[in-house]
N, C-alpha and C. Protein backbone atom coordinates (compact mmCIF):
# COMPACT_ATOMS: atom_id res chain seq x y z
N UNK A 1 0.75 -1.55 -0.18
CA UNK A 1 -0.05 -0.02 0.09
C UNK A 1 0.95 1.38 -0.37
N UNK A 2 0.75 1.98 -0.65
CA UNK A 2 1.40 3.43 -0.98
C UNK A 2 0.99 4.46 0.07
N UNK A 3 2.30 5.23 0.55
CA UNK A 3 2.29 5.87 1.83
C UNK A 3 1.17 6.40 2.03
N UNK A 4 0.21 7.16 1.29
CA UNK A 4 -1.13 7.62 1.47
C UNK A 4 -1.28 8.86 1.03
N UNK A 5 -2.21 9.09 0.73
CA UNK A 5 -2.86 10.57 0.45
C UNK A 5 -1.98 11.81 0.85
N UNK A 6 -2.27 12.84 0.53
CA UNK A 6 -1.96 13.81 1.64
C UNK A 6 -2.32 15.59 0.85
N UNK A 7 -3.53 15.01 0.06
CA UNK A 7 -4.19 16.41 -0.05
C UNK A 7 -4.71 17.08 0.79
N UNK A 8 -4.75 18.48 0.26
CA UNK A 8 -5.61 19.21 1.54
C UNK A 8 -6.85 18.90 1.61
N UNK A 9 -7.60 18.33 0.69
CA UNK A 9 -8.97 17.68 1.28
C UNK A 9 -8.95 16.88 2.54
N UNK A 10 -7.97 15.99 2.23
CA UNK A 10 -7.73 14.60 3.12
C UNK A 10 -7.54 15.11 4.47
N UNK A 11 -6.45 16.02 4.38
CA UNK A 11 -5.60 16.54 5.80
C UNK A 11 -6.82 17.04 6.40
N UNK A 12 -7.58 18.21 5.68
CA UNK A 12 -8.95 18.72 6.43
C UNK A 12 -9.53 18.24 6.64
N UNK A 13 -9.94 16.97 6.00
CA UNK A 13 -10.80 15.97 6.41
C UNK A 13 -10.75 15.01 7.73
N UNK A 14 -9.06 14.35 7.73
CA UNK A 14 -8.60 14.11 8.62
C UNK A 14 -8.86 14.69 10.37
N UNK A 15 -8.54 15.97 10.33
CA UNK A 15 -8.63 16.94 11.22
C UNK A 15 -9.42 16.82 11.86
N UNK A 16 -10.75 16.78 11.02
CA UNK A 16 -12.48 16.67 11.75
C UNK A 16 -12.78 15.18 11.69
N UNK A 17 -12.58 14.09 11.37
CA UNK A 17 -12.10 12.79 11.91
C UNK A 17 -11.76 12.85 12.99
N UNK A 18 -10.65 13.01 13.59
CA UNK A 18 -9.87 12.83 14.57
C UNK A 18 -10.33 13.58 15.55
N UNK A 19 -10.74 14.78 15.73
CA UNK A 19 -11.48 15.67 16.29
C UNK A 19 -13.24 15.10 16.85
N UNK A 20 -13.59 14.12 15.59
CA UNK A 20 -14.94 13.70 15.96
C UNK A 20 -14.90 12.55 16.75
N UNK A 21 -13.53 11.98 16.61
CA UNK A 21 -13.36 10.75 17.53
C UNK A 21 -13.03 11.20 19.09
N UNK A 22 -12.11 12.20 18.93
CA UNK A 22 -11.84 12.80 20.26
C UNK A 22 -13.07 13.24 21.22
N UNK A 23 -14.05 13.86 20.39
CA UNK A 23 -15.04 14.12 21.18
C UNK A 23 -16.16 12.79 21.93
N UNK A 24 -16.35 11.84 20.69
CA UNK A 24 -16.57 11.03 21.43
C UNK A 24 -16.09 9.92 22.32
N UNK A 25 -14.66 9.78 22.24
CA UNK A 25 -14.28 9.33 23.44
C UNK A 25 -14.02 10.25 24.82
N UNK A 26 -14.58 11.60 24.74
CA UNK A 26 -14.45 12.40 25.63
C UNK A 26 -15.76 12.43 26.19
N UNK A 27 -16.94 12.09 25.50
CA UNK A 27 -18.64 11.74 25.88
C UNK A 27 -18.65 10.19 26.08
N UNK A 28 -17.59 9.07 26.65
CA UNK A 28 -17.84 7.98 26.93
C UNK A 28 -17.39 6.75 26.16
N UNK A 29 -17.55 7.17 24.80
CA UNK A 29 -17.25 5.71 24.00
C UNK A 29 -15.77 4.91 24.32
N UNK A 30 -15.99 4.19 24.44
CA UNK A 30 -14.41 3.42 24.28
C UNK A 30 -14.49 3.13 22.89
N UNK A 31 -12.66 3.13 22.64
CA UNK A 31 -12.15 2.91 21.04
C UNK A 31 -11.89 1.73 21.03
N UNK A 32 -11.88 1.05 19.88
CA UNK A 32 -12.25 -0.20 19.30
C UNK A 32 -10.86 -0.08 18.04
N UNK A 33 -10.70 0.92 17.81
CA UNK A 33 -9.38 0.63 16.60
C UNK A 33 -9.66 1.78 15.65
N UNK A 34 -9.53 0.99 14.09
CA UNK A 34 -9.35 1.73 13.42
C UNK A 34 -10.15 1.08 11.90
N UNK A 35 -10.57 1.79 10.78
CA UNK A 35 -10.80 1.11 9.65
C UNK A 35 -10.16 1.71 8.36
N UNK A 36 -9.88 0.98 6.86
CA UNK A 36 -9.17 1.32 6.04
C UNK A 36 -10.27 1.80 5.30
N UNK A 37 -10.10 3.16 4.57
CA UNK A 37 -11.07 3.11 3.62
C UNK A 37 -10.80 3.72 2.25
N UNK A 38 -11.48 3.21 1.46
CA UNK A 38 -10.77 3.51 0.09
C UNK A 38 -9.79 2.88 -0.69
N UNK A 39 -9.78 1.79 -0.07
CA UNK A 39 -8.90 0.62 -0.45
C UNK A 39 -9.04 0.41 -2.13
N UNK A 40 -10.17 0.69 -2.83
CA UNK A 40 -10.18 0.05 -4.19
C UNK A 40 -9.55 1.32 -5.01
N UNK A 41 -8.49 0.50 -5.73
CA UNK A 41 -7.70 1.80 -6.77
C UNK A 41 -8.50 2.44 -7.47
N UNK A 42 -9.53 2.15 -7.97
CA UNK A 42 -10.75 2.67 -8.86
C UNK A 42 -11.00 4.22 -7.82
N UNK A 43 -11.34 3.54 -6.74
CA UNK A 43 -11.97 5.20 -6.10
C UNK A 43 -10.97 5.48 -5.67
N UNK A 44 -9.26 5.42 -5.18
CA UNK A 44 -8.82 6.83 -5.11
C UNK A 44 -8.06 7.02 -6.50
N UNK A 45 -8.53 6.47 -7.58
CA UNK A 45 -8.45 6.88 -8.69
C UNK A 45 -9.33 8.60 -9.04
N UNK A 46 -10.48 7.95 -8.65
CA UNK A 46 -11.28 9.10 -8.73
C UNK A 46 -11.07 10.24 -7.76
N UNK A 47 -10.90 10.02 -6.55
CA UNK A 47 -10.33 11.20 -5.93
C UNK A 47 -8.66 11.62 -6.05
N UNK A 48 -7.92 11.37 -6.90
CA UNK A 48 -6.74 11.67 -7.07
C UNK A 48 -6.13 11.10 -5.83
N UNK A 49 -6.12 10.22 -5.25
CA UNK A 49 -5.35 9.77 -4.07
C UNK A 49 -4.22 8.99 -4.45
N UNK A 50 -3.20 8.90 -3.52
CA UNK A 50 -2.16 7.97 -3.94
C UNK A 50 -2.22 6.33 -2.86
N UNK A 51 -3.08 6.53 -2.13
CA UNK A 51 -3.49 5.13 -1.17
C UNK A 51 -4.85 5.44 -0.71
N UNK A 52 -4.82 5.00 0.48
CA UNK A 52 -6.06 4.56 1.38
C UNK A 52 -5.73 5.67 2.22
N UNK A 53 -7.28 5.75 3.03
CA UNK A 53 -7.38 6.70 4.18
C UNK A 53 -7.86 5.70 5.40
N UNK A 54 -7.99 6.47 6.33
CA UNK A 54 -8.32 5.94 8.10
C UNK A 54 -9.43 6.38 8.46
N UNK A 55 -10.26 5.60 8.79
CA UNK A 55 -11.41 6.10 9.71
C UNK A 55 -11.08 5.41 11.23
N UNK A 56 -11.97 5.69 12.36
CA UNK A 56 -12.19 5.06 13.58
C UNK A 56 -13.38 4.17 13.65
N UNK A 57 -13.54 3.41 14.89
CA UNK A 57 -14.21 2.77 15.35
C UNK A 57 -14.32 2.44 16.82
N UNK A 58 -15.43 2.90 17.47
CA UNK A 58 -15.53 2.97 19.09
C UNK A 58 -16.71 1.84 18.98
N UNK A 59 -16.85 1.85 20.39
CA UNK A 59 -18.21 0.75 20.92
C UNK A 59 -19.38 0.74 20.53
N UNK A 60 -19.51 2.31 20.32
CA UNK A 60 -20.91 2.40 20.02
C UNK A 60 -21.21 2.18 19.08
N UNK A 61 -20.76 1.59 18.09
CA UNK A 61 -21.11 0.95 16.47
C UNK A 61 -21.12 -0.36 16.48
N UNK A 62 -20.33 -1.03 17.38
CA UNK A 62 -20.15 -2.56 17.60
C UNK A 62 -21.78 -3.41 17.15
N UNK A 63 -21.94 -3.79 16.43
CA UNK A 63 -23.18 -4.68 16.40
C UNK A 63 -22.99 -5.79 16.64
N UNK A 64 -23.46 -6.56 18.09
CA UNK A 64 -23.74 -8.21 18.02
C UNK A 64 -23.65 -8.94 16.90
N UNK A 65 -23.18 -9.95 16.88
CA UNK A 65 -23.63 -11.13 16.30
C UNK A 65 -24.95 -11.74 16.36
N UNK A 66 -25.85 -11.87 15.41
CA UNK A 66 -26.80 -12.12 15.18
C UNK A 66 -28.33 -10.93 15.59
N UNK A 67 -28.11 -9.75 15.95
CA UNK A 67 -28.35 -8.46 16.23
C UNK A 67 -28.74 -8.29 14.67
N UNK A 68 -30.63 -8.02 14.68
CA UNK A 68 -30.99 -7.31 12.93
C UNK A 68 -30.74 -5.94 13.20
N UNK A 69 -30.38 -5.54 11.98
CA UNK A 69 -29.37 -4.48 11.40
C UNK A 69 -30.55 -3.59 11.01
N UNK A 70 -31.20 -2.51 11.61
CA UNK A 70 -32.21 -1.34 11.12
C UNK A 70 -31.77 -0.68 10.39
N UNK A 71 -31.74 -0.67 9.21
CA UNK A 71 -31.15 0.38 7.85
C UNK A 71 -32.59 1.21 7.45
N UNK A 72 -33.74 1.40 8.15
CA UNK A 72 -34.82 2.00 7.42
C UNK A 72 -34.64 3.38 7.54
N UNK A 73 -33.63 4.05 8.21
CA UNK A 73 -33.33 5.74 8.21
C UNK A 73 -32.54 5.79 7.33
N UNK A 74 -31.76 4.77 6.81
CA UNK A 74 -30.44 5.17 5.98
C UNK A 74 -30.33 5.51 4.69
N UNK A 75 -29.69 6.04 3.95
CA UNK A 75 -30.39 6.85 2.51
C UNK A 75 -30.00 5.76 1.19
N UNK A 76 -28.48 4.85 1.69
CA UNK A 76 -27.91 4.29 0.93
C UNK A 76 -27.26 3.14 1.80
N UNK A 77 -27.82 1.97 2.36
CA UNK A 77 -27.51 1.08 3.22
C UNK A 77 -26.48 0.36 2.37
N UNK A 78 -25.17 -0.07 2.75
CA UNK A 78 -24.59 -1.44 2.22
C UNK A 78 -23.60 -1.96 2.96
N UNK A 79 -23.15 -3.05 2.84
CA UNK A 79 -22.83 -3.91 3.41
C UNK A 79 -21.19 -4.35 2.81
N UNK A 80 -20.02 -4.20 3.33
CA UNK A 80 -18.49 -4.46 3.18
C UNK A 80 -17.85 -5.64 4.00
N UNK A 81 -17.42 -6.76 3.38
CA UNK A 81 -17.07 -7.73 3.93
C UNK A 81 -15.36 -7.63 4.40
N UNK A 82 -14.98 -7.58 5.41
CA UNK A 82 -13.91 -7.34 6.15
C UNK A 82 -13.11 -8.09 6.91
N UNK A 83 -11.70 -8.50 6.53
CA UNK A 83 -11.00 -8.90 7.51
C UNK A 83 -10.53 -8.05 9.00
N UNK A 84 -10.39 -8.36 10.22
CA UNK A 84 -10.29 -7.74 11.18
C UNK A 84 -8.90 -8.31 11.85
N UNK A 85 -8.14 -7.26 12.03
CA UNK A 85 -6.98 -7.30 12.43
C UNK A 85 -6.81 -7.03 13.83
N UNK A 86 -6.08 -7.82 14.97
CA UNK A 86 -5.90 -7.34 16.25
C UNK A 86 -4.72 -7.10 16.31
N UNK A 87 -4.38 -5.83 17.26
CA UNK A 87 -2.92 -5.39 16.78
C UNK A 87 -2.69 -6.02 18.21
N UNK A 88 -1.11 -6.37 17.91
CA UNK A 88 -0.29 -6.51 19.27
C UNK A 88 1.02 -5.61 19.92
N UNK A 89 1.76 -6.13 20.84
CA UNK A 89 2.97 -5.05 20.82
C UNK A 89 3.64 -4.95 19.99
N UNK A 90 4.35 -3.59 19.72
CA UNK A 90 5.29 -3.20 18.57
C UNK A 90 4.64 -3.57 17.16
N UNK A 91 3.23 -3.54 17.18
CA UNK A 91 2.39 -3.43 15.74
C UNK A 91 2.72 -5.14 15.31
N UNK A 92 2.73 -5.53 15.97
CA UNK A 92 2.63 -7.37 15.63
C UNK A 92 1.24 -7.64 15.48
N UNK A 93 1.00 -8.83 15.13
CA UNK A 93 -0.31 -9.41 14.65
C UNK A 93 -1.27 -10.34 15.91
N UNK A 94 -1.90 -9.86 16.63
CA UNK A 94 -2.60 -10.68 18.08
C UNK A 94 -3.48 -11.48 17.50
N UNK A 95 -4.16 -11.27 16.35
CA UNK A 95 -5.20 -12.35 16.16
C UNK A 95 -6.02 -11.80 14.97
N UNK A 96 -7.14 -12.66 14.25
CA UNK A 96 -7.96 -12.32 13.06
C UNK A 96 -9.19 -12.65 13.06
N UNK A 97 -9.74 -12.10 12.91
CA UNK A 97 -11.20 -12.16 12.73
C UNK A 97 -12.14 -11.73 11.56
N UNK A 98 -13.33 -12.45 11.58
CA UNK A 98 -14.05 -12.59 10.17
C UNK A 98 -14.72 -10.63 10.51
N UNK A 99 -15.12 -10.19 9.66
CA UNK A 99 -15.63 -8.94 10.14
C UNK A 99 -16.69 -8.40 9.01
N UNK A 100 -17.96 -7.52 9.71
CA UNK A 100 -18.73 -7.08 8.49
C UNK A 100 -19.07 -5.74 8.87
N UNK A 101 -18.95 -4.67 7.72
CA UNK A 101 -18.92 -3.13 8.39
C UNK A 101 -20.08 -2.62 7.35
N UNK A 102 -20.95 -2.29 8.09
CA UNK A 102 -22.12 -1.20 7.24
C UNK A 102 -21.90 0.26 7.40
N UNK A 103 -22.16 0.74 6.22
CA UNK A 103 -22.08 1.65 5.56
C UNK A 103 -23.16 2.64 4.83
N UNK A 104 -23.63 3.91 5.10
CA UNK A 104 -24.66 4.34 4.57
C UNK A 104 -23.81 5.61 3.42
N UNK A 105 -23.97 5.16 2.62
CA UNK A 105 -23.50 6.15 1.21
C UNK A 105 -24.48 6.97 0.98
N UNK A 106 -24.46 8.12 1.98
CA UNK A 106 -25.31 9.44 1.67
C UNK A 106 -24.75 10.55 1.81
N UNK A 107 -23.49 10.52 0.97
CA UNK A 107 -22.68 11.83 0.57
C UNK A 107 -22.27 11.69 -0.80
N UNK A 108 -22.81 12.24 -1.75
CA UNK A 108 -21.90 12.60 -3.05
C UNK A 108 -20.35 12.18 -3.18
N UNK A 109 -20.12 11.76 -4.02
CA UNK A 109 -18.43 11.17 -4.58
C UNK A 109 -17.89 12.21 -5.22
N UNK A 110 -17.70 13.64 -4.50
CA UNK A 110 -17.14 14.74 -4.96
C UNK A 110 -16.49 15.27 -4.28
N UNK A 111 -16.32 15.29 -3.33
CA UNK A 111 -15.25 16.27 -2.15
C UNK A 111 -14.66 14.92 -0.89
N UNK A 112 -14.01 15.03 -0.84
CA UNK A 112 -13.31 13.94 -0.30
C UNK A 112 -13.48 14.28 1.36
N UNK A 113 -13.32 15.50 1.76
CA UNK A 113 -13.37 16.33 2.90
C UNK A 113 -14.50 15.87 3.95
N UNK A 114 -15.90 16.22 3.04
CA UNK A 114 -17.06 16.01 4.36
C UNK A 114 -17.03 14.27 4.47
N UNK A 115 -16.55 13.60 3.33
CA UNK A 115 -16.48 12.19 3.52
C UNK A 115 -15.74 11.26 4.56
N UNK A 116 -14.67 11.87 4.50
CA UNK A 116 -13.84 11.90 5.85
C UNK A 116 -14.04 12.23 7.17
N UNK A 117 -14.84 13.75 7.58
CA UNK A 117 -15.13 14.02 8.45
C UNK A 117 -16.45 13.45 8.90
N UNK A 118 -17.46 12.50 7.99
CA UNK A 118 -18.61 11.61 8.68
C UNK A 118 -17.71 10.22 8.75
N UNK A 119 -16.34 9.90 8.68
CA UNK A 119 -15.75 8.71 9.30
C UNK A 119 -16.16 7.72 8.18
N UNK A 120 -16.03 8.16 7.08
CA UNK A 120 -15.95 7.57 5.49
C UNK A 120 -17.17 6.50 5.68
N UNK A 121 -18.19 7.04 5.54
CA UNK A 121 -19.36 6.70 5.68
C UNK A 121 -19.57 5.23 6.79
N UNK A 122 -19.20 5.11 7.78
CA UNK A 122 -19.17 4.18 8.99
C UNK A 122 -20.29 4.12 9.87
N UNK A 123 -21.04 3.38 9.67
CA UNK A 123 -22.72 3.27 10.59
C UNK A 123 -22.02 1.84 11.75
N UNK A 124 -21.61 0.90 11.54
CA UNK A 124 -21.34 -0.06 12.34
C UNK A 124 -20.57 -1.36 11.74
N UNK A 125 -19.87 -2.13 12.73
CA UNK A 125 -19.19 -3.47 12.79
C UNK A 125 -19.57 -4.37 13.21
N UNK A 126 -19.62 -5.35 12.57
CA UNK A 126 -19.73 -6.87 12.99
C UNK A 126 -18.75 -8.00 13.08
N UNK A 127 -18.02 -8.12 14.43
CA UNK A 127 -16.83 -8.86 14.57
C UNK A 127 -17.14 -10.66 14.96
N UNK A 128 -16.48 -11.43 13.97
CA UNK A 128 -16.72 -12.82 14.42
C UNK A 128 -15.70 -13.16 15.20
N UNK A 129 -15.57 -14.57 16.11
CA UNK A 129 -14.74 -14.96 16.44
C UNK A 129 -13.20 -14.81 16.43
N UNK A 130 -12.27 -13.87 17.18
CA UNK A 130 -10.88 -13.93 17.03
C UNK A 130 -10.12 -15.09 17.05
N UNK A 131 -9.29 -15.36 15.94
CA UNK A 131 -8.50 -16.63 16.10
C UNK A 131 -7.01 -15.92 16.03
N UNK A 132 -6.48 -16.57 17.32
CA UNK A 132 -4.86 -16.08 17.57
C UNK A 132 -3.86 -17.01 17.10
N UNK A 133 -4.03 -18.38 16.62
CA UNK A 133 -3.29 -18.80 15.91
C UNK A 133 -2.88 -19.19 14.60
N UNK A 134 -3.41 -18.21 13.91
CA UNK A 134 -3.59 -18.41 12.21
C UNK A 134 -3.07 -16.99 11.68
N UNK A 135 -2.15 -17.30 10.95
CA UNK A 135 -1.46 -16.32 9.91
C UNK A 135 -1.50 -16.55 8.83
N UNK A 136 -2.06 -15.75 8.27
CA UNK A 136 -2.85 -15.81 6.60
C UNK A 136 -2.59 -14.72 5.60
N UNK A 137 -2.12 -14.84 4.42
CA UNK A 137 -1.89 -13.74 3.47
C UNK A 137 -2.93 -13.59 2.48
N UNK A 138 -3.80 -15.14 2.16
CA UNK A 138 -4.71 -15.12 1.34
C UNK A 138 -6.23 -15.50 2.19
N UNK A 139 -7.08 -14.67 1.60
CA UNK A 139 -8.34 -14.61 2.39
C UNK A 139 -9.62 -14.62 1.08
N UNK A 140 -10.41 -15.63 0.63
CA UNK A 140 -11.50 -15.13 0.02
C UNK A 140 -13.04 -15.04 0.81
N UNK A 141 -13.77 -14.14 0.75
CA UNK A 141 -14.92 -13.75 1.28
C UNK A 141 -16.08 -14.11 0.52
N UNK A 142 -17.02 -14.88 0.45
CA UNK A 142 -18.03 -15.23 -0.19
C UNK A 142 -19.24 -14.82 0.55
N UNK A 143 -20.02 -14.21 -0.25
CA UNK A 143 -21.66 -13.75 0.05
C UNK A 143 -22.33 -14.60 -0.47
N UNK A 144 -23.37 -15.00 0.12
CA UNK A 144 -24.69 -15.94 -0.06
C UNK A 144 -25.99 -15.04 0.24
N UNK A 145 -26.78 -15.08 -0.48
CA UNK A 145 -28.39 -15.26 -0.37
C UNK A 145 -29.20 -16.37 -0.78
N UNK A 146 -30.06 -16.40 0.28
CA UNK A 146 -30.71 -17.75 0.12
C UNK A 146 -29.97 -19.02 -0.44
N UNK A 147 -28.86 -19.17 -0.30
CA UNK A 147 -27.77 -20.48 -0.92
C UNK A 147 -27.32 -20.05 -2.41
N UNK A 148 -27.43 -18.83 -2.71
CA UNK A 148 -26.81 -18.10 -4.04
C UNK A 148 -25.82 -17.49 -3.95
N UNK A 149 -24.40 -17.42 -4.61
CA UNK A 149 -23.39 -16.63 -4.22
C UNK A 149 -23.54 -15.11 -5.00
N UNK A 150 -23.93 -14.23 -4.42
CA UNK A 150 -24.46 -12.81 -5.07
C UNK A 150 -22.74 -11.93 -5.18
N UNK A 151 -21.65 -12.39 -4.37
CA UNK A 151 -20.73 -11.44 -4.34
C UNK A 151 -19.25 -12.30 -4.05
N UNK A 152 -17.84 -11.75 -4.52
CA UNK A 152 -17.10 -12.82 -3.72
C UNK A 152 -15.55 -12.25 -3.98
N UNK A 153 -14.91 -11.93 -3.12
CA UNK A 153 -13.66 -11.19 -3.27
C UNK A 153 -12.86 -11.66 -2.23
N UNK A 154 -11.32 -11.18 -2.57
CA UNK A 154 -9.83 -11.90 -2.25
C UNK A 154 -9.27 -10.62 -1.44
N UNK A 155 -8.60 -11.06 -0.20
CA UNK A 155 -7.77 -10.18 0.52
C UNK A 155 -6.46 -9.81 -0.61
N UNK A 156 -6.47 -8.39 -0.90
CA UNK A 156 -5.49 -7.70 -1.66
C UNK A 156 -3.95 -7.33 -0.58
N UNK A 157 -4.01 -7.42 0.61
CA UNK A 157 -2.64 -7.18 1.30
C UNK A 157 -2.49 -7.83 2.60
N UNK A 158 -1.35 -8.00 2.35
CA UNK A 158 -1.16 -9.01 4.24
C UNK A 158 -1.32 -7.85 5.20
N UNK A 159 -2.01 -8.70 6.22
CA UNK A 159 -1.88 -8.03 7.60
C UNK A 159 -0.72 -7.27 8.25
N UNK A 160 0.61 -7.37 8.11
CA UNK A 160 1.27 -6.66 8.56
C UNK A 160 1.47 -5.44 7.97
N UNK A 161 1.71 -5.64 6.80
CA UNK A 161 1.53 -4.14 5.41
C UNK A 161 0.34 -3.34 5.97
N UNK A 162 -1.00 -3.92 5.97
CA UNK A 162 -1.85 -3.29 6.72
C UNK A 162 -1.89 -2.57 8.06
N UNK A 163 -1.02 -3.11 9.20
CA UNK A 163 -0.73 -2.32 10.17
C UNK A 163 0.16 -1.36 9.88
N UNK A 164 1.36 -1.91 9.26
CA UNK A 164 2.18 -0.94 9.40
C UNK A 164 1.87 0.70 8.46
N UNK A 165 0.87 0.54 7.67
CA UNK A 165 0.17 1.62 7.03
C UNK A 165 -0.57 2.40 7.78
N UNK A 166 -1.30 1.66 8.69
CA UNK A 166 -2.13 2.60 9.67
C UNK A 166 -0.99 3.18 10.77
N UNK A 167 -0.10 2.61 11.40
CA UNK A 167 0.88 3.44 12.25
C UNK A 167 1.17 4.53 11.32
N UNK A 168 1.75 4.06 10.14
CA UNK A 168 2.52 5.30 9.49
C UNK A 168 1.46 6.45 8.96
N UNK A 169 0.03 6.14 8.74
CA UNK A 169 -1.06 6.89 8.37
C UNK A 169 -1.11 7.98 9.49
N UNK A 170 -1.28 7.61 10.85
CA UNK A 170 -2.01 7.84 12.09
C UNK A 170 -0.84 8.34 12.71
N UNK A 171 0.36 8.18 12.49
CA UNK A 171 1.48 9.02 13.32
C UNK A 171 1.46 10.11 12.41
N UNK A 172 1.65 10.52 10.93
CA UNK A 172 1.63 11.80 10.32
C UNK A 172 0.42 12.59 10.67
N UNK A 173 -0.45 11.86 11.57
CA UNK A 173 -1.92 13.25 11.56
C UNK A 173 -1.75 13.12 13.48
N UNK A 174 -0.86 12.97 13.75
CA UNK A 174 -1.00 12.82 15.43
C UNK A 174 -1.77 12.04 16.22
N UNK A 175 -2.01 10.67 15.59
CA UNK A 175 -2.75 10.07 16.26
C UNK A 175 -2.11 8.53 16.62
N UNK A 176 -2.34 7.52 17.07
CA UNK A 176 -1.76 6.18 17.65
C UNK A 176 -2.32 5.32 17.28
N UNK A 177 -1.58 4.35 16.71
CA UNK A 177 -2.45 2.69 16.86
C UNK A 177 -1.56 1.91 17.98
N UNK A 178 -2.59 1.35 18.93
CA UNK A 178 -2.49 1.08 19.98
C UNK A 178 -2.52 -0.35 19.84
N UNK A 179 -1.39 -1.03 20.57
CA UNK A 179 -1.93 -2.44 21.26
C UNK A 179 -3.26 -2.47 21.93
N UNK A 180 -3.88 -3.66 21.21
CA UNK A 180 -5.19 -4.06 21.83
C UNK A 180 -6.11 -3.44 21.04
N UNK A 181 -5.61 -2.26 19.75
CA UNK A 181 -6.97 -1.81 18.69
C UNK A 181 -7.07 -3.02 17.67
N UNK A 182 -8.12 -2.79 17.29
CA UNK A 182 -8.53 -3.70 15.98
C UNK A 182 -8.69 -2.57 15.10
N UNK A 183 -8.03 -3.56 13.80
CA UNK A 183 -8.11 -3.02 12.26
C UNK A 183 -9.06 -3.44 11.63
N UNK A 184 -10.32 -2.99 10.94
CA UNK A 184 -10.89 -3.72 9.75
C UNK A 184 -10.37 -3.12 8.27
N UNK A 185 -9.64 -4.32 7.85
CA UNK A 185 -8.78 -4.06 6.54
C UNK A 185 -9.10 -3.54 5.55
N UNK A 186 -10.43 -3.22 5.21
CA UNK A 186 -10.71 -2.78 3.88
C UNK A 186 -11.66 -3.83 3.29
N UNK A 187 -12.58 -3.55 2.39
CA UNK A 187 -13.72 -4.58 1.87
C UNK A 187 -12.59 -5.77 0.73
N UNK A 188 -13.65 -6.94 0.93
CA UNK A 188 -13.17 -7.34 0.36
C UNK A 188 -13.43 -7.39 -1.25
N UNK A 189 -14.66 -6.93 -1.12
CA UNK A 189 -16.00 -6.86 -2.17
C UNK A 189 -16.49 -5.39 -2.45
N UNK A 190 -16.62 -4.77 -3.62
CA UNK A 190 -17.07 -3.48 -3.49
C UNK A 190 -18.63 -3.11 -2.85
N UNK A 191 -18.69 -2.22 -2.11
CA UNK A 191 -20.07 -2.33 -1.39
C UNK A 191 -21.00 -2.91 -1.83
N UNK A 192 -21.64 -3.36 -1.10
CA UNK A 192 -23.23 -4.05 -1.64
C UNK A 192 -24.30 -3.66 -1.29
N UNK A 193 -25.18 -2.84 -2.04
CA UNK A 193 -26.40 -2.56 -1.83
C UNK A 193 -27.20 -3.58 -0.82
N UNK A 194 -27.71 -2.79 0.34
CA UNK A 194 -28.88 -4.13 1.21
C UNK A 194 -30.10 -3.25 1.63
N UNK A 195 -30.99 -3.95 2.02
CA UNK A 195 -32.30 -3.28 2.37
C UNK A 195 -33.05 -4.24 3.11
N UNK A 196 -33.79 -3.58 3.75
CA UNK A 196 -35.09 -4.45 4.77
C UNK A 196 -35.17 -5.57 4.10
N UNK A 197 -35.21 -6.71 4.98
CA UNK A 197 -35.75 -7.85 4.89
C UNK A 197 -34.75 -8.79 4.33
N UNK A 198 -33.46 -8.50 4.02
CA UNK A 198 -32.35 -9.00 3.48
C UNK A 198 -31.92 -9.92 4.50
N UNK A 199 -31.11 -11.00 3.72
CA UNK A 199 -30.35 -11.77 4.84
C UNK A 199 -29.00 -12.45 4.30
N UNK A 200 -28.10 -11.64 4.34
CA UNK A 200 -26.89 -12.46 4.08
C UNK A 200 -25.74 -13.29 4.97
N UNK A 201 -25.12 -14.53 4.14
CA UNK A 201 -24.48 -15.22 5.07
C UNK A 201 -23.02 -14.99 3.84
N UNK A 202 -21.99 -14.71 5.10
CA UNK A 202 -20.87 -14.46 4.36
C UNK A 202 -19.68 -15.61 5.44
N UNK A 203 -19.40 -16.19 4.24
CA UNK A 203 -18.10 -17.12 4.52
C UNK A 203 -16.66 -16.50 4.41
N UNK A 204 -16.13 -16.87 5.44
CA UNK A 204 -14.51 -16.09 5.23
C UNK A 204 -13.59 -17.93 5.68
N UNK A 205 -13.71 -18.40 5.10
CA UNK A 205 -13.28 -19.93 5.13
C UNK A 205 -12.71 -20.30 6.19
N UNK A 206 -11.32 -20.14 6.51
CA UNK A 206 -10.79 -20.60 7.92
C UNK A 206 -11.28 -19.61 9.14
N UNK A 207 -11.69 -18.58 9.03
CA UNK A 207 -11.90 -17.45 10.09
C UNK A 207 -13.81 -17.94 10.17
N UNK A 208 -14.46 -18.70 9.53
CA UNK A 208 -15.64 -18.87 10.01
C UNK A 208 -16.49 -18.18 9.27
N UNK A 209 -17.89 -17.77 9.75
CA UNK A 209 -18.47 -17.48 9.05
C UNK A 209 -19.61 -15.96 9.70
N UNK A 210 -20.19 -15.05 8.98
CA UNK A 210 -21.04 -14.11 10.03
C UNK A 210 -22.41 -14.22 8.85
N UNK A 211 -23.46 -14.14 9.41
CA UNK A 211 -25.05 -13.96 9.16
C UNK A 211 -25.34 -12.62 9.07
N UNK A 212 -25.88 -11.70 8.54
CA UNK A 212 -26.35 -10.15 8.38
C UNK A 212 -28.28 -10.31 8.41
N UNK A 213 -28.72 -9.73 9.29
CA UNK A 213 -30.20 -9.83 8.82
C UNK A 213 -30.45 -8.40 8.84
N UNK A 214 -31.35 -7.64 7.90
CA UNK A 214 -31.54 -6.42 7.72
C UNK A 214 -32.78 -6.09 7.91
N UNK A 215 -33.35 -5.43 8.35
CA UNK A 215 -34.63 -4.75 8.75
C UNK A 215 -34.88 -3.07 8.79
């Protein structure tokens, strides 16, 4: 992954994003970690970026497995298939887990600053059980609906590389990747539109599976 974008819009958006994170923590939210955003090359090209961006996660948007997700008030709800990386001491990999991010694509793709200020469309994340003794560089995520495969995608970057990128990106903006943080490492598939009454089963191979029910 490249060293990351440094445009004025990204810098301004990240200042607002990190200020929002600080305000949430001051209000009692618990830090969970970080998220990779815009890991798809075509999206980076659209915004004139040289790499991905980073958003944040707190406990206020963690959705328990089995809880039905209410998207009735969202404008353009979508699902992203992610690998969650647990960060250990000195930037090591403490564990890996399946994850699903829920986003609301409620802003136009013409100005990156407000997208970053809104935490890159983030609305929720579902984590599967973490595995601490698995090291992988390849992973396929397969999404099925009623037994039919509707999307599949593969991991494009080794977890150790993702950790290094997030460390560097945050350090350049006055933030810190800490042991105990989790990173959701960018979607394995393009964001998939979802809606009320939908049921998705996502297979993560050696990491197990997650079911997402939407209302």
